[in-house]
Protein backbone atom coordinates (compact mmCIF):
# COMPACT_ATOMS: atom_id res chain seq x y z
CA UNK A 1 -9.91 20.37 16.78
CA UNK A 2 -8.79 23.03 19.29
CA UNK A 3 -9.15 22.02 22.92
CA UNK A 4 -8.94 23.36 26.46
CA UNK A 5 -7.54 21.39 29.39
CA UNK A 6 -6.91 18.27 27.36
CA UNK A 7 -4.44 16.75 29.80
CA UNK A 8 -3.43 17.50 33.39
CA UNK A 9 0.20 17.00 34.50
CA UNK A 10 -0.04 16.16 38.19
CA UNK A 11 3.72 16.58 38.66
CA UNK A 12 3.78 20.12 37.28
CA UNK A 13 0.23 20.76 38.45
CA UNK A 14 -0.71 22.34 35.16
CA UNK A 15 -3.12 21.74 32.29
CA UNK A 16 -2.11 21.30 28.65
CA UNK A 17 -4.33 22.91 26.02
CA UNK A 18 -4.26 23.50 22.28
CA UNK A 19 -6.37 26.61 21.72
CA UNK A 20 -5.13 27.00 18.13
CA UNK A 21 -4.55 24.27 15.52
CA UNK A 22 -3.17 25.22 12.11
CA UNK A 23 -1.70 23.44 9.10
CA UNK A 24 1.90 24.23 10.04
CA UNK A 25 1.49 22.48 13.40
CA UNK A 26 -0.11 19.40 11.87
CA UNK A 27 2.58 19.30 9.15
CA UNK A 28 5.32 19.34 11.80
CA UNK A 29 3.58 16.55 13.74
CA UNK A 30 3.11 14.49 10.56
CA UNK A 31 6.79 14.84 9.65
CA UNK A 32 7.88 13.77 13.14
CA UNK A 33 5.65 10.71 12.88
CA UNK A 34 6.99 9.66 9.48
CA UNK A 35 10.60 10.24 10.61
CA UNK A 36 10.00 8.02 13.64
CA UNK A 37 8.40 5.39 11.41
CA UNK A 38 11.37 5.37 9.04
CA UNK A 39 13.87 5.14 11.91
CA UNK A 40 12.69 1.53 12.48
CA UNK A 41 12.88 0.39 8.88
CA UNK A 42 16.38 -1.07 8.49
CA UNK A 43 17.27 1.38 5.73
CA UNK A 44 20.98 1.24 6.56
CA UNK A 45 21.13 -2.57 6.77
CA UNK A 46 19.04 -4.00 3.92
CA UNK A 47 19.01 -7.73 4.70
CA UNK A 48 15.78 -9.67 4.16
CA UNK A 49 14.82 -9.64 7.84
CA UNK A 50 15.73 -5.97 8.38
CA UNK A 51 14.69 -3.98 5.29
CA UNK A 52 11.23 -2.56 5.86
CA UNK A 53 10.81 -4.23 9.23
CA UNK A 54 9.92 -2.55 12.51
CA UNK A 55 13.16 -3.03 14.42
CA UNK A 56 13.31 -4.05 18.09
CA UNK A 57 16.29 -5.02 20.25
CA UNK A 58 16.14 -8.76 19.68
CA UNK A 59 13.34 -9.37 17.20
CA UNK A 60 11.70 -7.82 14.14
CA UNK A 61 9.20 -8.54 11.35
CA UNK A 62 6.36 -8.10 13.85
CA UNK A 63 2.95 -6.71 12.96
CA UNK A 64 4.11 -3.07 13.05
CA UNK A 65 6.38 -3.79 10.07
CA UNK A 66 3.46 -4.06 7.66
CA UNK A 67 1.08 -1.66 9.41
CA UNK A 68 3.80 1.00 9.52
CA UNK A 69 4.53 0.29 5.86
CA UNK A 70 0.91 1.02 5.01
CA UNK A 71 1.30 4.40 6.73
CA UNK A 72 4.46 5.17 4.74
CA UNK A 73 2.71 4.38 1.46
CA UNK A 74 -0.22 6.59 2.46
CA UNK A 75 2.25 9.39 3.21
CA UNK A 76 3.97 8.85 -0.14
CA UNK A 77 0.74 9.07 -2.12
CA UNK A 78 -1.02 11.86 -0.25
CA UNK A 79 1.63 14.11 1.30
CA UNK A 80 5.20 13.64 0.10
CA UNK A 81 6.92 15.85 -2.48
CA UNK A 82 9.31 12.95 -3.25
CA UNK A 83 6.92 9.96 -3.32
CA UNK A 84 9.26 7.51 -5.07
CA UNK A 85 11.58 7.41 -2.05
CA UNK A 86 8.79 6.52 0.34
CA UNK A 87 7.07 4.06 -1.99
CA UNK A 88 10.33 2.09 -2.16
CA UNK A 89 10.67 1.54 1.60
CA UNK A 90 6.90 1.37 2.14
CA UNK A 91 6.47 -1.49 -0.32
CA UNK A 92 9.37 -3.36 1.24
CA UNK A 93 7.60 -2.93 4.58
CA UNK A 94 4.24 -4.36 3.52
CA UNK A 95 5.99 -7.40 2.04
CA UNK A 96 8.39 -7.96 4.95
CA UNK A 97 6.39 -10.01 7.47
CA UNK A 98 5.25 -12.55 4.90
CA UNK A 99 8.73 -14.03 5.53
CA UNK A 100 7.30 -15.36 8.83
CA UNK A 101 5.02 -17.80 7.02
CA UNK A 102 5.98 -21.43 7.43
CA UNK A 103 5.72 -22.47 3.79
CA UNK A 104 7.78 -24.45 1.33
CA UNK A 105 7.61 -26.22 -2.00
CA UNK A 106 7.60 -29.62 -0.32
CA UNK A 107 4.33 -28.88 1.49
CA UNK A 108 5.73 -29.38 4.99
CA UNK A 109 6.88 -25.86 5.80
CA UNK A 110 10.33 -24.26 5.80
CA UNK A 111 10.92 -22.92 9.33
CA UNK A 112 9.24 -25.74 11.26
CA UNK A 113 9.04 -28.74 8.88
CA UNK A 114 5.86 -30.69 9.52
CA UNK A 115 2.80 -31.15 7.36
CA UNK A 116 0.58 -29.94 10.20
CA UNK A 117 2.63 -26.73 10.48
CA UNK A 118 2.61 -25.86 6.79
CA UNK A 119 1.02 -22.45 6.16
CA UNK A 120 1.21 -21.29 9.77
CA UNK A 121 2.81 -17.95 10.63
CA UNK A 122 5.02 -16.87 13.53
CA UNK A 123 4.61 -13.81 15.73
CA UNK A 124 8.02 -12.20 15.09
CA UNK A 125 11.55 -13.03 13.91
CA UNK A 126 14.39 -13.76 16.36
CA UNK A 127 17.62 -12.23 15.05
CA UNK A 128 20.08 -14.09 17.25
CA UNK A 129 21.33 -17.68 17.22
CA UNK A 130 19.61 -18.21 20.58
CA UNK A 131 16.86 -15.93 21.80
CA UNK A 132 13.69 -15.56 23.83
CA UNK A 133 10.08 -14.82 23.02
CA UNK A 134 7.76 -12.51 24.96
CA UNK A 135 7.28 -15.42 27.33
CA UNK A 136 10.72 -15.49 28.92
CA UNK A 137 10.54 -19.17 29.74
CA UNK A 138 10.24 -20.08 26.03
CA UNK A 139 13.50 -19.93 24.10
CA UNK A 140 13.66 -19.80 20.31
CA UNK A 141 16.31 -20.36 17.63
CA UNK A 142 17.04 -17.83 14.90
CA UNK A 143 13.89 -17.52 12.82
CA UNK A 144 10.15 -17.00 13.42
CA UNK A 145 8.77 -17.52 16.90
CA UNK A 146 7.05 -20.86 17.42
CA UNK A 147 3.58 -19.39 18.00
CA UNK A 148 1.22 -16.78 16.64
CA UNK A 149 0.09 -13.47 18.15
CA UNK A 150 -0.56 -10.01 16.78
CA UNK A 151 0.91 -10.81 13.37
CA UNK A 152 -2.64 -11.13 12.02
CA UNK A 153 -2.85 -7.32 12.31
CA UNK A 154 0.29 -7.06 10.23
CA UNK A 155 -0.96 -9.37 7.50
CA UNK A 156 -4.20 -7.41 7.29
CA UNK A 157 -2.18 -4.17 7.04
CA UNK A 158 -0.11 -5.71 4.28
CA UNK A 159 -3.18 -6.79 2.30
CA UNK A 160 -4.85 -3.41 2.86
CA UNK A 161 -1.86 -1.53 1.40
CA UNK A 162 -1.20 -3.86 -1.53
CA UNK A 163 -1.47 -2.11 -4.87
CA UNK A 164 0.37 -1.80 -8.15
CA UNK A 165 2.72 1.18 -8.03
CA UNK A 166 4.49 2.46 -11.15
CA UNK A 167 7.12 5.00 -10.14
CA UNK A 168 9.73 7.11 -11.89
CA UNK A 169 12.69 5.98 -9.82
CA UNK A 170 15.53 8.54 -9.70
CA UNK A 171 18.08 5.79 -10.41
CA UNK A 172 16.30 3.21 -12.57
CA UNK A 173 13.61 5.18 -14.37
CA UNK A 174 10.10 3.76 -14.57
CA UNK A 175 9.66 0.53 -12.61
CA UNK A 176 6.64 -1.29 -11.14
CA UNK A 177 6.06 -2.62 -7.65
CA UNK A 178 3.41 -5.33 -7.61
CA UNK A 179 3.05 -5.42 -11.37
CA UNK A 180 4.69 -6.06 -14.72
CA UNK A 181 5.49 -2.87 -16.62
CA UNK A 182 5.70 -2.68 -20.38
CA UNK A 183 6.25 0.67 -22.10
CA UNK A 184 5.30 1.13 -25.72
CA UNK A 185 5.67 4.43 -27.65
CA UNK A 186 4.44 7.04 -25.19
CA UNK A 187 2.20 4.79 -23.14
CA UNK A 188 2.39 2.44 -20.18
CA UNK A 189 1.09 -1.13 -20.24
CA UNK A 190 0.92 -2.54 -16.73
CA UNK A 191 -0.26 -6.00 -15.66
CA UNK A 192 -1.35 -5.77 -11.99
CA UNK A 193 0.24 -8.63 -10.03
CA UNK A 194 -0.05 -7.42 -6.43
CA UNK A 195 -2.51 -10.17 -5.46
CA UNK A 196 -5.43 -7.87 -4.60
CA UNK A 197 -5.65 -5.86 -7.84
CA UNK A 198 -7.92 -3.11 -6.55
CA UNK A 199 -5.59 -0.08 -6.45
CA UNK A 200 -3.22 1.38 -9.02
CA UNK A 201 -0.86 4.35 -8.70
CA UNK A 202 1.34 6.02 -11.30
CA UNK A 203 3.98 8.44 -10.00
CA UNK A 204 5.99 10.74 -12.25
CA UNK A 205 8.02 13.44 -10.50
CA UNK A 206 5.69 14.74 -7.77
CA UNK A 207 2.45 13.89 -9.60
CA UNK A 208 0.27 10.91 -8.67
CA UNK A 209 -2.47 9.28 -10.73
CA UNK A 210 -4.69 7.01 -8.61
CA UNK A 211 -7.37 4.51 -9.64
CA UNK A 212 -9.12 2.44 -6.96
CA UNK A 213 -11.82 -0.20 -7.39
CA UNK A 214 -14.45 -0.02 -4.63
CA UNK A 215 -16.31 -3.33 -5.18
CA UNK A 216 -14.53 -5.23 -7.92
CA UNK A 217 -10.96 -5.46 -9.25
CA UNK A 218 -8.67 -5.11 -12.23
CA UNK A 219 -8.60 -8.13 -14.53
CA UNK A 220 -5.83 -10.55 -13.62
CA UNK A 221 -4.32 -10.83 -17.11
CA UNK A 222 -5.37 -7.65 -18.95
CA UNK A 223 -3.14 -4.56 -18.85
CA UNK A 224 -3.91 -1.13 -17.50
CA UNK A 225 -2.98 1.14 -20.43
CA UNK A 226 -2.14 4.79 -19.83
CA UNK A 227 -0.91 7.41 -22.29
CA UNK A 228 2.13 9.19 -20.87
CA UNK A 229 0.27 12.52 -21.03
CA UNK A 230 -2.70 10.92 -19.15
CA UNK A 231 -5.11 11.88 -21.94
CA UNK A 232 -6.26 8.30 -22.48
CA UNK A 233 -6.62 5.47 -19.93
CA UNK A 234 -8.13 2.02 -20.38
CA UNK A 235 -8.48 -1.11 -18.24
CA UNK A 236 -10.70 -4.15 -17.71
CA UNK A 237 -12.75 -4.62 -14.54
CA UNK A 238 -13.62 -8.15 -13.43
CA UNK A 239 -16.97 -8.79 -11.70
CA UNK A 240 -16.04 -10.16 -8.26
CA UNK A 241 -19.61 -10.49 -6.97
CA UNK A 242 -20.57 -12.80 -9.86
CA UNK A 243 -23.91 -11.02 -10.18
CA UNK A 244 -25.39 -7.77 -11.45
CA UNK A 245 -24.55 -4.90 -9.12
CA UNK A 246 -23.52 -1.25 -8.99
CA UNK A 247 -19.79 -1.05 -9.72
CA UNK A 248 -17.78 2.02 -8.83
CA UNK A 249 -14.21 3.23 -8.90
CA UNK A 250 -12.39 6.31 -7.65
CA UNK A 251 -9.91 8.29 -9.72
CA UNK A 252 -7.82 11.38 -9.12
CA UNK A 253 -4.69 12.98 -10.53
CA UNK A 254 -6.00 13.63 -14.04
CA UNK A 255 -4.86 16.72 -15.88
CA UNK A 256 -7.27 19.63 -16.11
CA UNK A 257 -9.92 19.25 -18.80
CA UNK A 258 -13.01 17.28 -19.80
CA UNK A 259 -13.06 13.49 -20.03
CA UNK A 260 -15.54 10.96 -21.41
CA UNK A 261 -15.99 7.74 -19.42
CA UNK A 262 -16.86 4.83 -21.70
CA UNK A 263 -18.09 1.46 -20.40
CA UNK A 264 -17.92 -1.32 -23.03
CA UNK A 265 -17.65 1.38 -25.69
CA UNK A 266 -20.75 3.32 -24.55
CA UNK A 267 -20.42 6.77 -23.01
CA UNK A 268 -21.43 6.53 -19.35
CA UNK A 269 -20.67 10.06 -18.19
CA UNK A 270 -18.45 13.13 -18.58
CA UNK A 271 -16.23 14.51 -15.84
CA UNK A 272 -14.67 17.97 -15.68
CA UNK A 273 -11.31 18.27 -13.93
CA UNK A 274 -10.71 21.81 -12.71
CA UNK A 275 -7.69 20.99 -10.55
CA UNK A 276 -5.38 17.98 -10.43
CA UNK A 277 -6.46 16.93 -6.93
CA UNK A 278 -10.12 16.62 -7.98
CA UNK A 279 -11.51 13.22 -6.89
CA UNK A 280 -14.21 11.52 -8.97
CA UNK A 281 -16.39 8.51 -8.21
CA UNK A 282 -17.69 6.72 -11.31
CA UNK A 283 -20.67 4.35 -10.94
CA UNK A 284 -22.32 2.09 -13.47
CA UNK A 285 -24.27 -1.21 -13.50
CA UNK A 286 -22.01 -4.22 -14.00
CA UNK A 287 -23.95 -7.13 -15.49
CA UNK A 288 -21.30 -9.20 -17.26
CA UNK A 289 -18.27 -11.06 -15.99
CA UNK A 290 -16.12 -8.10 -16.99
CA UNK A 291 -16.32 -4.59 -18.41
CA UNK A 292 -13.90 -2.46 -20.41
CA UNK A 293 -13.35 1.09 -19.22
CA UNK A 294 -11.96 3.97 -21.27
CA UNK A 295 -11.22 7.46 -19.97
CA UNK A 296 -10.60 9.83 -22.86
CA UNK A 297 -9.82 13.54 -22.77
CA UNK A 298 -11.58 15.70 -25.38
């Protein structure tokens, strides 16, 4: 929104205003923000405690690692002309701070071995052999800090951004983040394995297909099947409320044309896509433990 006298600089004794706001100004601001975000991501030094992390002078893997990663993924999906590049570093970011968890196969924790500490999570990661936490009187060895703090924000950011991303990587071709990808004669078969199973994205060149569950989730063992021309899509929804309710999902990125939406083989509705950025919300009553969905162009 345009503004007048938004902020007063007492040193210069002048007001700052923004009487005109246009897309070019917001695009410049957005690009500066994403460039600053990427500058902290350890892109040039891809070790496990650097790649994707929000870098600080003596520590990293703090909550901004995952929250900033969520922002990068949002930028990749909604704004970037080269989304594969940003999805790569963004997904690394939302996974990064899980390394702070004190877990191990023996059930006593890896970083601080003790049954009572198993499953706890540190605040940040000390990079040096001997370091200090925010509280300067508490020293820490290399590894996660001994106590918790804002990392809960990071874990929430990581869970919020989790999805299955299938991308056409410029080096490796089609690969999946957070899922198992099988290709079979002009179609994709993808098992969602991201842990949340509510969002799915398919990126090919600069085009994005997005499917997001709003109450329920994709079935844990059934594939999402997509024809490579996007003319036919099918998946299984699992009922996460364990009762009859109104189920809905959001979809965009379909090619122009008319599509039938079938629920358990019965036509639920028809949608007309007039432009590729059209967003559709599909609602239907979910009574069973699961429901099969088909989206078919005609």
